[in-house]
Amino acid sequence: MNVAALRLAVVLLLLSAALMLLGVCVGSAGFEDLLRPLLHPQIDPDQSALAEQIVLDIRLPRTIGAWTAGALLGLAGAVAQGLFRNPLADPYLLGSASGAALAVALALLAMGGASGMLGGTVMSAGATFSVYSGSLLVRLGLTGAAFVGAVLAVLLTLILSRGVQHTLRLLLAGVVVGVVLGAATQLVLLFSPESLQAMQSFMLGSTAFAGWAACGLMGVVWLLGVAIACALGRVLDGLSLGETTARSLGLPVASIRMVLIVVLAIATGTAVAQTGLIAFVGLAAPHLVRSVLSTGYRWLIVLASLMGAVLLMAADVLARWLIAPQELPVGVVTAVLGGAYLLWLMHRSTLAKGAA
């Protein structure tokens, strides 16, 4: 048993619990304003019911949604970096982000743009929402479109790369698909300017989209993804030594690589469908784990998932707290924090080389 990895997992779980409590407290209505009617419902039953709804139906599912989405992105990032033997690989490398964005843009175009779908920033009972205010059917349609678009983009990448045999060809195909689908998204928005506001919410990311159903779905996908990826951790350890070495160890590289790409696509697609495009979590989470300890991919996958969950929960709390009662898009917060971390990492690497 890897004691150091187990300790880190416990620390990350404790941080998750603390951030979950903080996430329930943070909002335009302070926790003390909610605690009083919750503890004394007989004074004002209506206010008590409203406070209970804010906590149980808004803040708690949003916080848990941030945890599960971050865990999925951390899982996908660890799998991508092991699959491509590249520490700069991220969950969106195979074009899933561009595919999801294009599908959402097309769905908005088909639904008549942003009309009736966005309420902007709505202040209600001290809670701030920046979510689609249309019907549940509309929200499900956009969520489904994002997931299908992400998965189809990965399939297109596989077709262009002619399978999974060549890592470099797969990477190049993913870059090409991302660029082309990104250009197609801009073209769709050019012909549908009324969709820009709704599209911006998706592109910048928001955990406010998550409800209990989304939390359950992301949780199930995460559990299955972690189980499959950990079972194939030995293959990722072999791939890190090179494909020739992996084959010499008797590992069925091509078939298992396909399974890992499926895990990567479904984990990324599920997270993107529920929270939009959130940058840097999948890239930074495995790096942060490696900076603390060196371990095999079985532990790295679990720890990167937990680290991604902590990162996104912390970013979500900051997004709600920094300019309260308004809130920042959580994707902006993760981009700033992730970019600053990677710049610091580059600076430290440069200093280390200079000292050597």
Protein backbone atom coordinates (compact mmCIF):
# COMPACT_ATOMS: atom_id res chain seq x y z
CA MET A 1 0.00 0.00 0.00
CA ASN A 2 1.24 3.47 -0.92
CA VAL A 3 0.99 5.26 2.44
CA ALA A 4 1.92 8.69 1.04
CA ALA A 5 -0.77 8.43 -1.64
CA LEU A 6 -3.33 7.31 0.93
CA ARG A 7 -2.48 10.29 3.14
CA LEU A 8 -2.85 12.69 0.23
CA ALA A 9 -6.23 11.14 -0.63
CA VAL A 10 -7.41 11.66 2.97
CA VAL A 11 -6.20 15.29 2.91
CA LEU A 12 -8.04 15.94 -0.37
CA LEU A 13 -11.23 14.37 0.99
CA LEU A 14 -11.03 16.54 4.11
CA LEU A 15 -10.51 19.61 1.91
CA SER A 16 -13.52 18.54 -0.15
CA ALA A 17 -15.66 18.33 2.99
CA ALA A 18 -14.49 21.77 4.17
CA LEU A 19 -15.11 23.34 0.75
CA MET A 20 -18.53 21.70 0.57
CA LEU A 21 -19.50 23.34 3.86
CA LEU A 22 -18.07 26.64 2.64
CA GLY A 23 -19.93 26.31 -0.65
CA VAL A 24 -23.23 25.99 1.18
CA CYS A 25 -22.42 29.13 3.20
CA VAL A 26 -21.23 31.40 0.37
CA GLY A 27 -23.73 33.39 -1.63
CA SER A 28 -25.45 36.72 -1.85
CA ALA A 29 -27.40 35.75 1.28
CA GLY A 30 -25.01 35.10 4.17
CA PHE A 31 -25.17 31.82 6.02
CA GLU A 32 -26.30 33.59 9.18
CA ASP A 33 -29.31 34.90 7.24
CA LEU A 34 -30.22 31.32 6.34
CA LEU A 35 -29.30 29.73 9.66
CA ARG A 36 -31.77 31.74 11.73
CA PRO A 37 -34.92 30.71 9.79
CA LEU A 38 -33.65 27.14 9.52
CA LEU A 39 -33.13 26.82 13.28
CA HIS A 40 -36.34 28.67 14.19
CA PRO A 41 -38.94 27.76 11.53
CA GLN A 42 -41.83 28.63 13.85
CA ILE A 43 -40.95 32.35 13.70
CA ASP A 44 -41.46 32.65 9.94
CA PRO A 45 -42.43 29.39 8.21
CA ASP A 46 -42.31 30.96 4.74
CA GLN A 47 -38.79 32.32 5.28
CA SER A 48 -37.72 28.97 6.72
CA ALA A 49 -39.03 27.09 3.68
CA LEU A 50 -37.26 29.55 1.40
CA ALA A 51 -33.96 29.16 3.27
CA GLU A 52 -34.28 25.37 3.10
CA GLN A 53 -34.88 25.55 -0.64
CA ILE A 54 -31.82 27.76 -1.17
CA VAL A 55 -29.58 25.34 0.73
CA LEU A 56 -30.98 22.00 -0.46
CA ASP A 57 -32.06 22.80 -4.02
CA ILE A 58 -29.49 25.41 -5.08
CA ARG A 59 -26.26 25.64 -3.13
CA LEU A 60 -25.78 22.00 -2.10
CA PRO A 61 -26.34 20.45 -5.58
CA ARG A 62 -24.22 23.20 -7.12
CA THR A 63 -21.35 22.47 -4.72
CA ILE A 64 -21.59 18.72 -5.22
CA GLY A 65 -21.87 19.31 -8.97
CA ALA A 66 -18.62 21.27 -8.86
CA TRP A 67 -16.98 18.35 -7.03
CA THR A 68 -18.16 15.71 -9.51
CA ALA A 69 -17.38 17.83 -12.59
CA GLY A 70 -13.90 18.59 -11.25
CA ALA A 71 -13.37 14.90 -10.48
CA LEU A 72 -14.35 13.96 -14.05
CA LEU A 73 -11.98 16.56 -15.53
CA GLY A 74 -9.15 15.46 -13.22
CA LEU A 75 -9.75 11.83 -14.23
CA ALA A 76 -9.81 12.75 -17.93
CA GLY A 77 -6.64 14.82 -17.57
CA ALA A 78 -4.71 11.98 -15.93
CA VAL A 79 -5.87 9.53 -18.59
CA ALA A 80 -4.98 11.94 -21.42
CA GLN A 81 -1.50 12.63 -20.08
CA GLY A 82 -0.82 8.93 -19.65
CA LEU A 83 -2.33 8.00 -23.00
CA PHE A 84 -0.30 10.53 -24.97
CA ARG A 85 2.78 10.44 -22.71
CA ASN A 86 2.61 14.22 -22.62
CA PRO A 87 2.31 16.28 -19.41
CA LEU A 88 0.65 19.09 -21.39
CA ALA A 89 -2.23 16.90 -22.62
CA ASP A 90 -5.66 17.92 -21.35
CA PRO A 91 -9.18 16.44 -21.60
CA TYR A 92 -10.07 18.62 -24.61
CA LEU A 93 -7.15 17.43 -26.73
CA LEU A 94 -9.25 15.21 -29.01
CA GLY A 95 -11.64 18.00 -30.02
CA SER A 96 -14.37 17.30 -27.47
CA ALA A 97 -14.61 20.94 -26.33
CA SER A 98 -14.99 22.24 -29.89
CA GLY A 99 -17.54 19.55 -30.70
CA ALA A 100 -19.61 20.38 -27.63
CA ALA A 101 -19.48 24.11 -28.40
CA LEU A 102 -20.57 23.57 -32.01
CA ALA A 103 -23.45 21.31 -30.95
CA VAL A 104 -24.67 23.87 -28.40
CA ALA A 105 -24.42 26.67 -30.99
CA LEU A 106 -26.46 24.61 -33.46
CA ALA A 107 -29.02 23.77 -30.76
CA LEU A 108 -29.38 27.45 -29.86
CA LEU A 109 -29.80 28.30 -33.53
CA ALA A 110 -32.49 25.65 -33.92
CA MET A 111 -34.28 26.88 -30.78
CA GLY A 112 -34.33 30.45 -31.98
CA GLY A 113 -31.21 31.81 -30.32
CA ALA A 114 -31.18 33.03 -26.76
CA SER A 115 -34.77 34.19 -26.71
CA GLY A 116 -36.47 32.83 -23.63
CA MET A 117 -33.45 30.79 -22.61
CA LEU A 118 -31.44 33.22 -20.59
CA GLY A 119 -32.67 35.28 -17.76
CA GLY A 120 -29.32 36.92 -17.28
CA THR A 121 -28.54 37.42 -13.62
CA VAL A 122 -31.60 36.76 -11.54
CA MET A 123 -31.70 37.74 -7.88
CA SER A 124 -34.04 35.48 -5.95
CA ALA A 125 -34.13 35.01 -2.18
CA GLY A 126 -30.50 36.09 -1.93
CA ALA A 127 -29.25 33.54 -4.46
CA THR A 128 -27.67 34.57 -7.72
CA PHE A 129 -28.26 32.56 -10.85
CA SER A 130 -26.61 32.80 -14.25
CA VAL A 131 -28.40 29.86 -15.76
CA TYR A 132 -30.73 29.08 -18.57
CA SER A 133 -34.14 30.22 -17.44
CA GLY A 134 -36.09 28.41 -20.10
CA SER A 135 -37.99 25.20 -19.67
CA LEU A 136 -36.44 21.99 -18.41
CA LEU A 137 -36.79 20.59 -21.92
CA VAL A 138 -34.61 23.38 -23.30
CA ARG A 139 -31.92 22.79 -20.69
CA LEU A 140 -31.96 19.05 -21.30
CA GLY A 141 -31.72 19.71 -25.03
CA LEU A 142 -28.62 21.86 -24.63
CA THR A 143 -27.04 19.40 -22.20
CA GLY A 144 -27.68 16.48 -24.53
CA ALA A 145 -26.39 18.44 -27.51
CA ALA A 146 -23.15 19.24 -25.67
CA PHE A 147 -22.57 15.61 -24.73
CA VAL A 148 -23.36 14.27 -28.21
CA GLY A 149 -21.19 16.94 -29.82
CA ALA A 150 -18.23 16.11 -27.59
CA VAL A 151 -18.46 12.37 -28.29
CA LEU A 152 -18.96 12.85 -32.05
CA ALA A 153 -15.91 15.12 -32.19
CA VAL A 154 -13.80 12.39 -30.60
CA LEU A 155 -15.20 9.85 -33.07
CA LEU A 156 -14.30 12.20 -35.94
CA THR A 157 -10.77 12.45 -34.56
CA LEU A 158 -10.51 8.66 -34.47
CA ILE A 159 -11.73 8.42 -38.07
CA LEU A 160 -9.24 11.01 -39.30
CA SER A 161 -6.38 9.37 -37.42
CA ARG A 162 -7.39 5.96 -38.85
CA GLY A 163 -7.66 4.35 -35.45
CA VAL A 164 -5.56 4.56 -32.32
CA GLN A 165 -2.36 2.89 -33.53
CA HIS A 166 -0.32 6.08 -33.95
CA THR A 167 -0.21 8.55 -31.07
CA LEU A 168 1.20 11.44 -33.10
CA ARG A 169 -1.46 11.04 -35.81
CA LEU A 170 -4.15 10.98 -33.12
CA LEU A 171 -2.83 14.19 -31.60
CA LEU A 172 -2.65 15.97 -34.94
CA ALA A 173 -6.16 14.82 -35.86
CA GLY A 174 -7.45 16.15 -32.52
CA VAL A 175 -5.85 19.54 -33.15
CA VAL A 176 -7.31 19.72 -36.68
CA VAL A 177 -10.78 18.73 -35.50
CA GLY A 178 -10.64 21.31 -32.70
CA VAL A 179 -9.63 24.13 -35.06
CA VAL A 180 -12.17 23.25 -37.76
CA LEU A 181 -15.09 22.78 -35.36
CA GLY A 182 -14.12 25.97 -33.53
CA ALA A 183 -14.27 27.88 -36.82
CA ALA A 184 -17.64 26.27 -37.58
CA THR A 185 -18.95 27.43 -34.18
CA GLN A 186 -17.92 31.01 -34.92
CA LEU A 187 -19.62 30.78 -38.31
CA VAL A 188 -22.87 29.59 -36.73
CA LEU A 189 -22.75 32.43 -34.19
CA LEU A 190 -22.08 34.90 -37.00
CA PHE A 191 -25.43 33.96 -38.52
CA SER A 192 -27.14 33.85 -35.11
CA PRO A 193 -25.94 36.87 -33.09
CA GLU A 194 -28.89 36.50 -30.70
CA SER A 195 -27.25 33.27 -29.46
CA LEU A 196 -24.06 35.00 -28.33
CA GLN A 197 -25.12 35.67 -24.75
CA ALA A 198 -26.31 32.11 -24.16
CA MET A 199 -23.21 30.75 -25.87
CA GLN A 200 -20.96 32.90 -23.71
CA SER A 201 -22.40 31.29 -20.58
CA PHE A 202 -21.50 27.88 -21.95
CA MET A 203 -18.02 28.86 -23.16
CA LEU A 204 -17.05 30.45 -19.83
CA GLY A 205 -18.43 27.57 -17.79
CA SER A 206 -20.75 27.61 -14.79
CA THR A 207 -21.53 25.11 -12.06
CA ALA A 208 -24.90 26.85 -11.64
CA PHE A 209 -26.25 24.50 -14.33
CA ALA A 210 -25.89 21.49 -12.01
CA GLY A 211 -28.90 20.04 -10.18
CA TRP A 212 -29.37 16.81 -8.27
CA ALA A 213 -29.94 14.79 -11.45
CA ALA A 214 -26.72 16.15 -12.95
CA CYS A 215 -24.83 15.35 -9.75
CA GLY A 216 -26.10 11.77 -9.82
CA LEU A 217 -25.21 11.31 -13.48
CA MET A 218 -21.71 12.77 -13.11
CA GLY A 219 -21.14 10.72 -9.94
CA VAL A 220 -22.03 7.44 -11.66
CA VAL A 221 -19.89 8.23 -14.70
CA TRP A 222 -16.98 9.19 -12.45
CA LEU A 223 -17.19 5.95 -10.44
CA LEU A 224 -17.28 3.84 -13.61
CA GLY A 225 -14.50 5.86 -15.23
CA VAL A 226 -12.21 5.61 -12.20
CA ALA A 227 -12.85 1.87 -11.89
CA ILE A 228 -12.02 1.21 -15.57
CA ALA A 229 -9.01 3.55 -15.66
CA CYS A 230 -7.56 2.13 -12.44
CA ALA A 231 -7.99 -1.40 -13.79
CA LEU A 232 -5.92 -0.30 -16.79
CA GLY A 233 -3.37 1.57 -14.70
CA ARG A 234 -0.72 -1.06 -15.43
CA VAL A 235 -1.17 -0.39 -19.15
CA LEU A 236 -0.66 3.34 -18.62
CA ASP A 237 2.48 2.59 -16.60
CA GLY A 238 3.70 0.47 -19.51
CA LEU A 239 2.83 3.17 -22.08
CA SER A 240 4.83 5.71 -20.08
CA LEU A 241 7.91 3.62 -20.90
CA GLY A 242 7.11 3.73 -24.63
CA GLU A 243 4.87 1.74 -26.94
CA THR A 244 7.62 -0.73 -27.88
CA THR A 245 8.27 -1.53 -24.23
CA ALA A 246 4.55 -1.85 -23.55
CA ARG A 247 4.15 -4.34 -26.40
CA SER A 248 7.19 -6.30 -25.23
CA LEU A 249 5.44 -6.70 -21.89
CA GLY A 250 2.57 -8.39 -23.72
CA LEU A 251 0.10 -5.54 -23.32
CA PRO A 252 -2.64 -5.23 -26.00
CA VAL A 253 -1.84 -1.57 -26.57
CA ALA A 254 -4.27 -0.75 -29.41
CA SER A 255 -7.42 -2.26 -27.87
CA ILE A 256 -6.76 -0.90 -24.40
CA ARG A 257 -5.92 2.54 -25.82
CA MET A 258 -9.36 2.54 -27.45
CA VAL A 259 -10.98 1.76 -24.08
CA LEU A 260 -9.06 4.61 -22.46
CA ILE A 261 -10.15 7.01 -25.22
CA VAL A 262 -13.77 5.99 -24.59
CA VAL A 263 -13.32 6.71 -20.86
CA LEU A 264 -11.69 10.06 -21.73
CA ALA A 265 -14.46 11.02 -24.15
CA ILE A 266 -17.37 10.07 -21.88
CA ALA A 267 -15.86 11.67 -18.76
CA THR A 268 -15.09 14.89 -20.62
CA GLY A 269 -18.41 14.94 -22.47
CA THR A 270 -20.40 14.42 -19.27
CA ALA A 271 -18.58 17.22 -17.42
CA VAL A 272 -18.80 19.64 -20.35
CA ALA A 273 -22.49 18.90 -20.89
CA GLN A 274 -23.33 19.84 -17.30
CA THR A 275 -20.95 22.73 -16.59
CA GLY A 276 -19.78 24.09 -19.94
CA LEU A 277 -16.12 24.57 -20.88
CA ILE A 278 -13.94 24.88 -17.78
CA ALA A 279 -10.25 25.35 -18.51
CA PHE A 280 -7.09 24.11 -16.78
CA VAL A 281 -8.65 21.79 -14.19
CA GLY A 282 -7.87 18.65 -16.18
CA LEU A 283 -4.41 19.93 -17.05
CA ALA A 284 -3.37 21.21 -13.62
CA ALA A 285 -4.78 18.46 -11.37
CA PRO A 286 -2.31 15.69 -12.41
CA HIS A 287 0.57 18.21 -12.25
CA LEU A 288 -0.33 19.19 -8.69
CA VAL A 289 -0.43 15.53 -7.63
CA ARG A 290 2.96 14.84 -9.25
CA SER A 291 4.43 17.88 -7.51
CA VAL A 292 3.53 16.32 -4.15
CA LEU A 293 4.47 12.69 -4.76
CA SER A 294 5.55 10.24 -7.43
CA THR A 295 3.24 7.30 -7.93
CA GLY A 296 1.92 4.88 -10.52
CA TYR A 297 -1.11 5.61 -12.65
CA ARG A 298 -3.59 3.72 -10.50
CA TRP A 299 -3.05 6.11 -7.61
CA LEU A 300 -2.47 9.07 -9.93
CA ILE A 301 -5.91 8.63 -11.50
CA VAL A 302 -7.66 8.58 -8.12
CA LEU A 303 -5.62 11.47 -6.71
CA ALA A 304 -5.94 13.58 -9.87
CA SER A 305 -9.72 13.10 -9.69
CA LEU A 306 -9.81 14.24 -6.07
CA MET A 307 -7.46 17.14 -6.84
CA GLY A 308 -9.63 18.24 -9.77
CA ALA A 309 -12.70 18.12 -7.52
CA VAL A 310 -10.99 20.30 -4.89
CA LEU A 311 -9.76 22.77 -7.53
CA LEU A 312 -13.19 23.26 -9.10
CA MET A 313 -14.96 23.51 -5.75
CA ALA A 314 -12.46 26.15 -4.59
CA ALA A 315 -12.84 28.05 -7.88
CA ASP A 316 -16.64 27.92 -7.58
CA VAL A 317 -16.54 29.35 -4.04
CA LEU A 318 -14.20 32.12 -5.21
CA ALA A 319 -16.42 32.85 -8.21
CA ARG A 320 -19.39 33.38 -5.89
CA TRP A 321 -17.51 35.28 -3.20
CA LEU A 322 -15.17 37.71 -5.01
CA ILE A 323 -17.81 40.11 -6.36
CA ALA A 324 -20.86 39.03 -4.34
CA PRO A 325 -23.82 39.43 -4.77
CA GLN A 326 -22.82 39.03 -8.43
CA GLU A 327 -20.63 36.10 -9.49
CA LEU A 328 -17.81 35.44 -11.90
CA PRO A 329 -17.92 32.61 -14.47
CA VAL A 330 -16.07 29.75 -12.81
CA GLY A 331 -14.16 29.06 -16.05
CA VAL A 332 -12.55 32.50 -15.78
CA VAL A 333 -11.39 31.77 -12.22
CA THR A 334 -9.92 28.37 -13.16
CA ALA A 335 -8.17 29.89 -16.19
CA VAL A 336 -6.55 32.62 -14.07
CA LEU A 337 -5.51 30.24 -11.28
CA GLY A 338 -4.40 27.48 -13.66
CA GLY A 339 -2.48 29.87 -15.89
CA ALA A 340 -0.72 31.42 -12.88
CA TYR A 341 0.23 27.95 -11.60
CA LEU A 342 1.66 26.84 -14.95
CA LEU A 343 3.62 30.09 -15.30
CA TRP A 344 5.06 29.53 -11.83
CA LEU A 345 5.91 25.95 -12.81
CA MET A 346 7.72 27.18 -15.93
CA HIS A 347 9.59 29.81 -13.90
CA ARG A 348 10.68 27.24 -11.32
CA SER A 349 11.84 24.88 -14.08
CA THR A 350 13.85 27.69 -15.70
CA LEU A 351 15.50 28.57 -12.36
CA ALA A 352 16.33 24.92 -11.73
CA LYS A 353 17.99 24.58 -15.14
CA GLY A 354 19.91 27.83 -14.59
CA ALA A 355 21.17 26.61 -11.22
CA ALA A 356 22.29 23.31 -12.81
